[in-house]
C-alpha cells in the first residue's frame, strides 16, 4: 500500500475508507447481493517496487457468481498472465481483503514497469481460467492471454508498478 500512498497518514485514511466502503456496501446490500461490485488494489511489493516474485493485496466486494482473478503484464505488452497459482483470489462473502502471489516477468525483465489487473469475472470465465491454468501448470508452459472481460456491473482495478530486481 505504501507504493500507492507514500504518506502514512493518507495510507491509513485510504485503507480505512476502502474497508468502510466495502463493509457498508455489503451491509446495505446483504452478502453477495446482485449489483454490489467493487475492487481495489491496495499494495504490491514493499513500497519501493516489486521483486520478480511478490505479493499483491487489495479489497473487494463481489456479487454472487463473480470471482476475482489477478493478472500481470510487462507494460506495453498485449498479453496478460494469470497469477495466484491458477486460482481466483478468494474474497469472503460480503467483501473483504484478498492477496495473491505474483510473478513479474523473467529474470532479465528487472527494471521494467508492469501492469497489474484485478478482474472480477463471471462463473463461466472462472471455470475456463481454472481449466487453462491447470493445463498450463501440468505442462509447465504458461502462455499469455487477452485480459478477460469483467463480469456485468463490475470493473477491473489496474495499477502500474516498477520491478526493482
N, C-alpha and C. Protein backbone atom coordinates (compact mmCIF):
# COMPACT_ATOMS: atom_id res chain seq x y z
N UNK A 1 0.82 -1.18 0.00
CA UNK A 1 0.00 0.00 0.00
C UNK A 1 0.88 1.25 0.00
N UNK A 2 2.08 1.12 0.57
CA UNK A 2 2.99 2.26 0.63
C UNK A 2 3.37 2.72 -0.77
N UNK A 3 3.38 1.81 -1.71
CA UNK A 3 3.73 2.15 -3.09
C UNK A 3 2.75 3.17 -3.68
N UNK A 4 1.46 3.01 -3.36
CA UNK A 4 0.43 3.85 -3.94
C UNK A 4 0.08 5.05 -3.07
N UNK A 5 0.35 4.93 -1.75
CA UNK A 5 0.08 6.00 -0.81
C UNK A 5 1.30 6.19 0.08
N UNK A 6 2.33 6.92 -0.40
CA UNK A 6 3.58 7.03 0.35
C UNK A 6 3.43 7.71 1.71
N UNK A 7 2.50 8.62 1.88
CA UNK A 7 2.29 9.31 3.15
C UNK A 7 1.53 8.39 4.10
N UNK A 8 2.12 8.05 5.28
CA UNK A 8 1.45 7.12 6.20
C UNK A 8 0.05 7.57 6.62
N UNK A 9 -0.16 8.86 6.81
CA UNK A 9 -1.49 9.34 7.19
C UNK A 9 -2.52 9.11 6.09
N UNK A 10 -2.14 9.40 4.86
CA UNK A 10 -3.03 9.18 3.71
C UNK A 10 -3.27 7.68 3.53
N UNK A 11 -2.21 6.87 3.72
CA UNK A 11 -2.32 5.42 3.58
C UNK A 11 -3.35 4.88 4.57
N UNK A 12 -3.27 5.30 5.83
CA UNK A 12 -4.21 4.84 6.85
C UNK A 12 -5.64 5.28 6.51
N UNK A 13 -5.78 6.51 6.08
CA UNK A 13 -7.09 7.03 5.70
C UNK A 13 -7.66 6.26 4.51
N UNK A 14 -6.83 5.98 3.51
CA UNK A 14 -7.29 5.26 2.32
C UNK A 14 -7.74 3.85 2.68
N UNK A 15 -6.96 3.15 3.50
CA UNK A 15 -7.33 1.80 3.91
C UNK A 15 -8.63 1.81 4.70
N UNK A 16 -8.76 2.76 5.63
CA UNK A 16 -9.98 2.86 6.43
C UNK A 16 -11.18 3.15 5.54
N UNK A 17 -11.03 4.06 4.58
CA UNK A 17 -12.14 4.42 3.69
C UNK A 17 -12.55 3.24 2.82
N UNK A 18 -11.58 2.53 2.25
CA UNK A 18 -11.90 1.39 1.39
C UNK A 18 -12.54 0.26 2.19
N UNK A 19 -12.02 -0.01 3.39
CA UNK A 19 -12.61 -1.05 4.23
C UNK A 19 -14.03 -0.68 4.64
N UNK A 20 -14.24 0.59 5.00
CA UNK A 20 -15.58 1.04 5.39
C UNK A 20 -16.54 0.97 4.21
N UNK A 21 -16.06 1.34 3.03
CA UNK A 21 -16.90 1.29 1.84
C UNK A 21 -17.31 -0.15 1.55
N UNK A 22 -16.35 -1.07 1.59
CA UNK A 22 -16.66 -2.47 1.34
C UNK A 22 -17.64 -3.00 2.38
N UNK A 23 -17.40 -2.67 3.64
CA UNK A 23 -18.28 -3.16 4.71
C UNK A 23 -19.68 -2.56 4.62
N UNK A 24 -19.77 -1.25 4.35
CA UNK A 24 -21.09 -0.62 4.28
C UNK A 24 -21.87 -1.10 3.06
N UNK A 25 -21.19 -1.32 1.96
CA UNK A 25 -21.86 -1.84 0.77
C UNK A 25 -22.40 -3.23 1.04
N UNK A 26 -21.58 -4.08 1.68
CA UNK A 26 -22.01 -5.44 1.98
C UNK A 26 -23.18 -5.42 2.96
N UNK A 27 -23.10 -4.56 3.97
CA UNK A 27 -24.16 -4.49 4.98
C UNK A 27 -25.46 -3.96 4.36
N UNK A 28 -25.35 -2.94 3.52
CA UNK A 28 -26.54 -2.34 2.93
C UNK A 28 -27.21 -3.27 1.93
N UNK A 29 -26.40 -4.02 1.20
CA UNK A 29 -26.94 -4.85 0.14
C UNK A 29 -27.15 -6.30 0.55
N UNK A 30 -26.48 -6.74 1.62
CA UNK A 30 -26.54 -8.14 2.00
C UNK A 30 -25.40 -8.89 1.36
N UNK A 31 -25.02 -9.97 1.94
CA UNK A 31 -23.88 -10.75 1.47
C UNK A 31 -24.12 -11.29 0.07
N UNK A 32 -23.20 -10.96 -0.84
CA UNK A 32 -23.29 -11.48 -2.19
C UNK A 32 -24.49 -10.98 -2.97
N UNK A 33 -25.03 -9.86 -2.63
CA UNK A 33 -26.21 -9.36 -3.31
C UNK A 33 -25.87 -8.94 -4.74
N UNK A 34 -26.82 -9.09 -5.67
CA UNK A 34 -26.57 -8.67 -7.04
C UNK A 34 -26.29 -7.16 -7.09
N UNK A 35 -25.41 -6.77 -7.97
CA UNK A 35 -25.16 -5.36 -8.21
C UNK A 35 -24.08 -4.74 -7.36
N UNK A 36 -23.64 -5.41 -6.27
CA UNK A 36 -22.58 -4.87 -5.43
C UNK A 36 -21.27 -5.41 -5.96
N UNK A 37 -20.46 -4.53 -6.53
CA UNK A 37 -19.19 -4.98 -7.08
C UNK A 37 -18.18 -3.84 -7.00
N UNK A 38 -17.14 -4.03 -6.22
CA UNK A 38 -16.05 -3.06 -6.17
C UNK A 38 -14.75 -3.81 -5.95
N UNK A 39 -13.70 -3.33 -6.59
CA UNK A 39 -12.38 -3.96 -6.50
C UNK A 39 -11.34 -2.87 -6.40
N UNK A 40 -10.39 -3.04 -5.49
CA UNK A 40 -9.27 -2.10 -5.36
C UNK A 40 -7.99 -2.88 -5.10
N UNK A 41 -6.91 -2.45 -5.73
CA UNK A 41 -5.57 -2.97 -5.46
C UNK A 41 -4.94 -1.99 -4.49
N UNK A 42 -4.54 -2.47 -3.30
CA UNK A 42 -4.00 -1.59 -2.28
C UNK A 42 -2.49 -1.59 -2.24
N UNK A 43 -1.87 -2.74 -2.50
CA UNK A 43 -0.41 -2.78 -2.44
C UNK A 43 0.16 -3.88 -3.31
N UNK A 44 1.38 -3.66 -3.71
CA UNK A 44 2.17 -4.66 -4.44
C UNK A 44 3.61 -4.40 -4.07
N UNK A 45 4.28 -5.41 -3.55
CA UNK A 45 5.66 -5.23 -3.15
C UNK A 45 5.78 -4.48 -1.84
N UNK A 46 6.97 -3.97 -1.59
CA UNK A 46 7.26 -3.35 -0.29
C UNK A 46 7.21 -1.84 -0.32
N UNK A 47 6.78 -1.23 -1.38
CA UNK A 47 6.70 0.22 -1.46
C UNK A 47 7.78 0.81 -2.34
N UNK A 48 8.90 0.12 -2.48
CA UNK A 48 9.98 0.60 -3.34
C UNK A 48 9.96 -0.08 -4.69
N UNK A 49 8.91 -0.78 -4.99
CA UNK A 49 8.80 -1.53 -6.24
C UNK A 49 8.55 -3.00 -5.91
N UNK A 50 8.44 -3.81 -6.94
CA UNK A 50 8.19 -5.24 -6.76
C UNK A 50 9.42 -6.04 -7.13
N UNK A 51 9.52 -7.23 -6.55
CA UNK A 51 10.55 -8.19 -6.91
C UNK A 51 10.00 -9.08 -8.01
N UNK A 52 10.83 -10.01 -8.52
CA UNK A 52 10.33 -10.90 -9.56
C UNK A 52 9.14 -11.71 -9.06
N UNK A 53 9.19 -12.14 -7.80
CA UNK A 53 8.05 -12.81 -7.18
C UNK A 53 7.65 -11.98 -5.97
N UNK A 54 6.38 -11.60 -5.91
CA UNK A 54 5.95 -10.70 -4.84
C UNK A 54 4.48 -10.94 -4.54
N UNK A 55 3.94 -10.19 -3.59
CA UNK A 55 2.54 -10.32 -3.18
C UNK A 55 1.76 -9.06 -3.54
N UNK A 56 0.55 -9.27 -4.02
CA UNK A 56 -0.38 -8.18 -4.35
C UNK A 56 -1.56 -8.33 -3.39
N UNK A 57 -2.07 -7.20 -2.88
CA UNK A 57 -3.22 -7.29 -1.99
C UNK A 57 -4.21 -6.17 -2.28
N UNK A 58 -5.43 -6.38 -1.83
CA UNK A 58 -6.47 -5.38 -2.03
C UNK A 58 -7.72 -5.74 -1.29
N UNK A 59 -8.79 -5.06 -1.63
CA UNK A 59 -10.11 -5.33 -1.06
C UNK A 59 -11.12 -5.44 -2.20
N UNK A 60 -12.18 -6.20 -1.95
CA UNK A 60 -13.22 -6.35 -2.97
C UNK A 60 -14.54 -6.71 -2.32
N UNK A 61 -15.60 -6.30 -2.96
CA UNK A 61 -16.95 -6.73 -2.67
C UNK A 61 -17.50 -7.26 -3.98
N UNK A 62 -17.88 -8.53 -3.98
CA UNK A 62 -18.32 -9.18 -5.22
C UNK A 62 -19.72 -9.77 -5.06
N UNK A 63 -20.55 -9.65 -6.09
CA UNK A 63 -21.86 -10.30 -6.04
C UNK A 63 -21.72 -11.81 -6.20
N UNK A 64 -22.77 -12.54 -5.89
CA UNK A 64 -22.77 -13.98 -6.09
C UNK A 64 -22.47 -14.29 -7.55
N UNK A 65 -21.69 -15.35 -7.78
CA UNK A 65 -21.37 -15.76 -9.15
C UNK A 65 -20.23 -14.99 -9.78
N UNK A 66 -19.52 -14.17 -8.99
CA UNK A 66 -18.38 -13.40 -9.51
C UNK A 66 -17.15 -13.78 -8.70
N UNK A 67 -16.04 -14.01 -9.39
CA UNK A 67 -14.78 -14.40 -8.78
C UNK A 67 -13.70 -13.43 -9.23
N UNK A 68 -12.69 -13.23 -8.40
CA UNK A 68 -11.63 -12.27 -8.68
C UNK A 68 -10.36 -12.98 -9.15
N UNK A 69 -9.86 -12.57 -10.31
CA UNK A 69 -8.61 -13.09 -10.85
C UNK A 69 -7.62 -11.95 -10.98
N UNK A 70 -6.35 -12.27 -10.72
CA UNK A 70 -5.28 -11.28 -10.77
C UNK A 70 -4.37 -11.61 -11.96
N UNK A 71 -4.02 -10.58 -12.72
CA UNK A 71 -3.17 -10.73 -13.91
C UNK A 71 -2.05 -9.71 -13.88
N UNK A 72 -0.91 -10.07 -14.50
CA UNK A 72 0.18 -9.10 -14.69
C UNK A 72 0.65 -9.15 -16.13
N UNK A 73 1.29 -8.07 -16.53
CA UNK A 73 1.91 -8.00 -17.86
C UNK A 73 3.03 -6.96 -17.80
N UNK A 74 4.03 -7.15 -18.68
CA UNK A 74 5.03 -6.10 -18.86
C UNK A 74 4.29 -4.95 -19.53
N UNK A 75 4.49 -3.73 -19.03
CA UNK A 75 3.80 -2.57 -19.60
C UNK A 75 4.09 -2.48 -21.10
N UNK A 76 3.04 -2.33 -21.89
CA UNK A 76 3.17 -2.24 -23.34
C UNK A 76 2.90 -3.55 -24.06
N UNK A 77 2.85 -4.66 -23.32
CA UNK A 77 2.56 -5.96 -23.92
C UNK A 77 1.06 -6.07 -24.20
N UNK A 78 0.69 -6.89 -25.14
CA UNK A 78 -0.73 -7.14 -25.41
C UNK A 78 -1.25 -8.33 -24.59
N UNK A 79 -0.33 -9.14 -24.06
CA UNK A 79 -0.72 -10.35 -23.34
C UNK A 79 -0.63 -10.17 -21.83
N UNK A 80 -1.47 -10.93 -21.11
CA UNK A 80 -1.52 -10.93 -19.65
C UNK A 80 -1.31 -12.35 -19.16
N UNK A 81 -0.80 -12.47 -17.91
CA UNK A 81 -0.59 -13.77 -17.30
C UNK A 81 -1.34 -13.84 -15.99
N UNK A 82 -2.15 -14.92 -15.83
CA UNK A 82 -2.90 -15.13 -14.59
C UNK A 82 -1.92 -15.40 -13.46
N UNK A 83 -2.22 -14.87 -12.27
CA UNK A 83 -1.35 -15.02 -11.10
C UNK A 83 -2.07 -15.82 -10.03
N UNK A 84 -1.39 -16.07 -8.93
CA UNK A 84 -2.00 -16.77 -7.81
C UNK A 84 -2.00 -18.28 -7.96
N UNK A 85 -1.16 -18.82 -8.84
CA UNK A 85 -1.08 -20.27 -8.99
C UNK A 85 -2.24 -20.89 -9.72
N UNK A 86 -3.01 -20.09 -10.43
CA UNK A 86 -4.12 -20.63 -11.21
C UNK A 86 -5.42 -20.71 -10.45
N UNK A 87 -5.53 -19.96 -9.39
CA UNK A 87 -6.78 -19.91 -8.62
C UNK A 87 -7.25 -18.47 -8.54
N UNK A 88 -8.55 -18.32 -8.46
CA UNK A 88 -9.10 -16.99 -8.23
C UNK A 88 -8.67 -16.52 -6.84
N UNK A 89 -8.49 -15.21 -6.68
CA UNK A 89 -8.22 -14.64 -5.36
C UNK A 89 -9.51 -14.72 -4.56
N UNK A 90 -9.51 -15.40 -3.47
CA UNK A 90 -10.74 -15.63 -2.71
C UNK A 90 -11.10 -14.42 -1.86
N UNK A 91 -12.36 -14.03 -1.95
CA UNK A 91 -12.90 -12.91 -1.18
C UNK A 91 -14.05 -13.45 -0.35
N UNK A 92 -14.05 -13.12 0.93
CA UNK A 92 -15.11 -13.60 1.82
C UNK A 92 -16.47 -13.09 1.37
N UNK A 93 -17.54 -13.86 1.58
CA UNK A 93 -18.87 -13.36 1.25
C UNK A 93 -19.12 -12.02 1.94
N UNK A 94 -19.64 -11.08 1.21
CA UNK A 94 -19.89 -9.75 1.75
C UNK A 94 -18.73 -8.80 1.54
N UNK A 95 -17.58 -9.32 1.13
CA UNK A 95 -16.44 -8.46 0.84
C UNK A 95 -15.34 -8.59 1.86
N UNK A 96 -14.17 -8.16 1.47
CA UNK A 96 -13.04 -8.21 2.38
C UNK A 96 -11.73 -8.11 1.63
N UNK A 97 -10.66 -8.42 2.36
CA UNK A 97 -9.33 -8.33 1.79
C UNK A 97 -8.99 -9.58 0.99
N UNK A 98 -8.08 -9.42 0.02
CA UNK A 98 -7.57 -10.54 -0.76
C UNK A 98 -6.07 -10.36 -0.95
N UNK A 99 -5.37 -11.47 -1.18
CA UNK A 99 -3.95 -11.43 -1.52
C UNK A 99 -3.70 -12.45 -2.61
N UNK A 100 -2.67 -12.21 -3.39
CA UNK A 100 -2.27 -13.16 -4.43
C UNK A 100 -0.77 -13.07 -4.61
N UNK A 101 -0.14 -14.22 -4.76
CA UNK A 101 1.28 -14.23 -5.11
C UNK A 101 1.37 -13.99 -6.62
N UNK A 102 2.42 -13.30 -7.02
CA UNK A 102 2.55 -12.95 -8.44
C UNK A 102 4.00 -13.05 -8.90
N UNK A 103 4.16 -13.37 -10.16
CA UNK A 103 5.47 -13.36 -10.79
C UNK A 103 5.48 -12.21 -11.78
N UNK A 104 6.47 -11.35 -11.64
CA UNK A 104 6.61 -10.19 -12.51
C UNK A 104 7.72 -10.45 -13.53
N UNK A 105 7.38 -11.21 -14.56
CA UNK A 105 8.28 -11.44 -15.68
C UNK A 105 9.41 -12.40 -15.41
N UNK A 106 10.34 -12.37 -16.34
CA UNK A 106 11.53 -13.22 -16.32
C UNK A 106 12.68 -12.48 -15.64
N UNK A 107 13.75 -13.20 -15.27
CA UNK A 107 14.87 -12.54 -14.60
C UNK A 107 15.41 -11.32 -15.35
N UNK A 108 15.47 -11.40 -16.65
CA UNK A 108 16.03 -10.29 -17.44
C UNK A 108 15.10 -9.07 -17.55
N UNK A 109 13.90 -9.15 -16.97
CA UNK A 109 12.97 -8.03 -17.05
C UNK A 109 13.00 -7.11 -15.82
N UNK A 110 14.05 -7.24 -15.00
CA UNK A 110 14.24 -6.32 -13.87
C UNK A 110 14.38 -4.91 -14.43
N UNK A 111 13.83 -3.94 -13.72
CA UNK A 111 13.90 -2.55 -14.15
C UNK A 111 12.75 -2.11 -15.03
N UNK A 112 11.87 -3.02 -15.39
CA UNK A 112 10.74 -2.68 -16.25
C UNK A 112 9.50 -2.38 -15.41
N UNK A 113 8.55 -1.68 -16.04
CA UNK A 113 7.25 -1.43 -15.42
C UNK A 113 6.29 -2.55 -15.78
N UNK A 114 5.44 -2.89 -14.83
CA UNK A 114 4.45 -3.95 -15.01
C UNK A 114 3.07 -3.42 -14.66
N UNK A 115 2.07 -3.87 -15.40
CA UNK A 115 0.68 -3.57 -15.09
C UNK A 115 0.10 -4.73 -14.29
N UNK A 116 -0.74 -4.40 -13.34
CA UNK A 116 -1.49 -5.39 -12.57
C UNK A 116 -2.97 -5.12 -12.81
N UNK A 117 -3.74 -6.17 -13.03
CA UNK A 117 -5.19 -6.03 -13.17
C UNK A 117 -5.87 -7.03 -12.23
N UNK A 118 -6.81 -6.56 -11.44
CA UNK A 118 -7.67 -7.40 -10.60
C UNK A 118 -9.03 -7.40 -11.30
N UNK A 119 -9.38 -8.55 -11.89
CA UNK A 119 -10.55 -8.61 -12.77
C UNK A 119 -11.65 -9.49 -12.15
N UNK A 120 -12.82 -8.91 -11.88
CA UNK A 120 -13.95 -9.72 -11.42
C UNK A 120 -14.60 -10.40 -12.64
N UNK A 121 -14.66 -11.73 -12.62
CA UNK A 121 -15.19 -12.47 -13.76
C UNK A 121 -16.38 -13.32 -13.35
N UNK A 122 -17.23 -13.65 -14.32
CA UNK A 122 -18.39 -14.49 -14.03
C UNK A 122 -17.95 -15.95 -13.84
N UNK A 123 -18.87 -16.79 -13.39
CA UNK A 123 -18.55 -18.19 -13.11
C UNK A 123 -18.05 -18.94 -14.34
N UNK A 124 -18.64 -18.70 -15.50
CA UNK A 124 -18.21 -19.37 -16.72
C UNK A 124 -16.74 -19.05 -17.02
N UNK A 125 -16.38 -17.78 -16.93
CA UNK A 125 -14.99 -17.37 -17.20
C UNK A 125 -14.07 -17.93 -16.12
N UNK A 126 -14.53 -17.97 -14.87
CA UNK A 126 -13.74 -18.54 -13.78
C UNK A 126 -13.39 -20.00 -14.08
N UNK A 127 -14.36 -20.79 -14.50
CA UNK A 127 -14.12 -22.20 -14.81
C UNK A 127 -13.14 -22.31 -15.98
N UNK A 128 -13.32 -21.51 -17.00
CA UNK A 128 -12.43 -21.53 -18.16
C UNK A 128 -10.99 -21.17 -17.76
N UNK A 129 -10.83 -20.13 -16.94
CA UNK A 129 -9.50 -19.73 -16.48
C UNK A 129 -8.86 -20.81 -15.61
N UNK A 130 -9.66 -21.43 -14.74
CA UNK A 130 -9.15 -22.50 -13.88
C UNK A 130 -8.66 -23.68 -14.71
N UNK A 131 -9.43 -24.08 -15.71
CA UNK A 131 -9.03 -25.19 -16.58
C UNK A 131 -7.76 -24.85 -17.36
N UNK A 132 -7.67 -23.64 -17.88
CA UNK A 132 -6.46 -23.21 -18.61
C UNK A 132 -5.24 -23.22 -17.70
N UNK A 133 -5.43 -22.76 -16.46
CA UNK A 133 -4.31 -22.73 -15.51
C UNK A 133 -3.86 -24.14 -15.15
N UNK A 134 -4.78 -25.06 -14.98
CA UNK A 134 -4.41 -26.45 -14.67
C UNK A 134 -3.62 -27.08 -15.81
N UNK A 135 -4.06 -26.83 -17.05
CA UNK A 135 -3.31 -27.35 -18.20
C UNK A 135 -1.91 -26.75 -18.24
N UNK A 136 -1.81 -25.44 -18.03
CA UNK A 136 -0.52 -24.77 -18.05
C UNK A 136 0.40 -25.31 -16.95
N UNK A 137 -0.14 -25.48 -15.74
CA UNK A 137 0.66 -26.00 -14.63
C UNK A 137 1.14 -27.42 -14.91
N UNK A 138 0.29 -28.25 -15.51
CA UNK A 138 0.67 -29.63 -15.81
C UNK A 138 1.79 -29.68 -16.85
N UNK A 139 1.78 -28.77 -17.80
CA UNK A 139 2.78 -28.75 -18.88
C UNK A 139 3.96 -27.84 -18.58
N UNK A 140 3.88 -27.07 -17.49
CA UNK A 140 4.90 -26.06 -17.17
C UNK A 140 5.12 -25.11 -18.34
N UNK A 141 4.02 -24.76 -18.97
CA UNK A 141 4.04 -23.84 -20.12
C UNK A 141 2.93 -22.82 -19.87
N UNK A 142 3.33 -21.54 -19.76
CA UNK A 142 2.40 -20.51 -19.34
C UNK A 142 2.22 -19.45 -20.43
N UNK A 143 1.38 -19.74 -21.41
CA UNK A 143 1.17 -18.74 -22.46
C UNK A 143 0.36 -17.55 -21.96
N UNK A 144 0.64 -16.39 -22.48
CA UNK A 144 -0.14 -15.20 -22.15
C UNK A 144 -1.51 -15.28 -22.80
N UNK A 145 -2.38 -14.38 -22.40
CA UNK A 145 -3.74 -14.37 -22.93
C UNK A 145 -4.26 -12.94 -22.96
N UNK A 146 -5.36 -12.76 -23.66
CA UNK A 146 -6.06 -11.47 -23.60
C UNK A 146 -6.68 -11.34 -22.21
N UNK A 147 -6.75 -10.12 -21.72
CA UNK A 147 -7.39 -9.89 -20.42
C UNK A 147 -8.88 -10.21 -20.55
N UNK A 148 -9.42 -11.07 -19.68
CA UNK A 148 -10.84 -11.40 -19.80
C UNK A 148 -11.72 -10.19 -19.46
N UNK A 149 -12.91 -10.23 -20.01
CA UNK A 149 -13.88 -9.16 -19.72
C UNK A 149 -14.33 -9.25 -18.28
N UNK A 150 -14.60 -8.11 -17.68
CA UNK A 150 -15.16 -8.07 -16.33
C UNK A 150 -16.60 -8.56 -16.36
N UNK A 151 -17.04 -9.12 -15.25
CA UNK A 151 -18.43 -9.54 -15.10
C UNK A 151 -19.34 -8.32 -15.23
N UNK A 152 -20.60 -8.58 -15.56
CA UNK A 152 -21.58 -7.49 -15.68
C UNK A 152 -21.59 -6.64 -14.40
N UNK A 153 -21.70 -5.33 -14.58
CA UNK A 153 -21.77 -4.36 -13.48
C UNK A 153 -20.52 -4.32 -12.60
N UNK A 154 -19.40 -4.81 -13.12
CA UNK A 154 -18.14 -4.80 -12.38
C UNK A 154 -17.05 -4.16 -13.25
N UNK A 155 -16.04 -3.62 -12.59
CA UNK A 155 -14.89 -3.05 -13.29
C UNK A 155 -13.61 -3.61 -12.72
N UNK A 156 -12.65 -3.86 -13.61
CA UNK A 156 -11.33 -4.28 -13.17
C UNK A 156 -10.60 -3.10 -12.54
N UNK A 157 -9.75 -3.39 -11.57
CA UNK A 157 -8.85 -2.39 -11.00
C UNK A 157 -7.48 -2.61 -11.62
N UNK A 158 -6.80 -1.53 -11.99
CA UNK A 158 -5.48 -1.65 -12.62
C UNK A 158 -4.51 -0.66 -12.00
N UNK A 159 -3.27 -1.09 -11.83
CA UNK A 159 -2.19 -0.22 -11.38
C UNK A 159 -0.92 -0.60 -12.13
N UNK A 160 0.05 0.31 -12.12
CA UNK A 160 1.36 0.04 -12.71
C UNK A 160 2.41 0.10 -11.60
N UNK A 161 3.32 -0.86 -11.60
CA UNK A 161 4.40 -0.91 -10.61
C UNK A 161 5.73 -1.06 -11.33
N UNK A 162 6.80 -0.78 -10.63
CA UNK A 162 8.15 -0.90 -11.18
C UNK A 162 8.84 -2.10 -10.54
N UNK A 163 9.44 -2.95 -11.37
CA UNK A 163 10.17 -4.10 -10.84
C UNK A 163 11.61 -3.70 -10.56
N UNK A 164 12.05 -3.85 -9.33
CA UNK A 164 13.37 -3.41 -8.93
C UNK A 164 14.44 -4.49 -9.02
N UNK A 165 14.09 -5.73 -8.94
CA UNK A 165 15.10 -6.78 -9.05
C UNK A 165 14.56 -7.99 -9.78
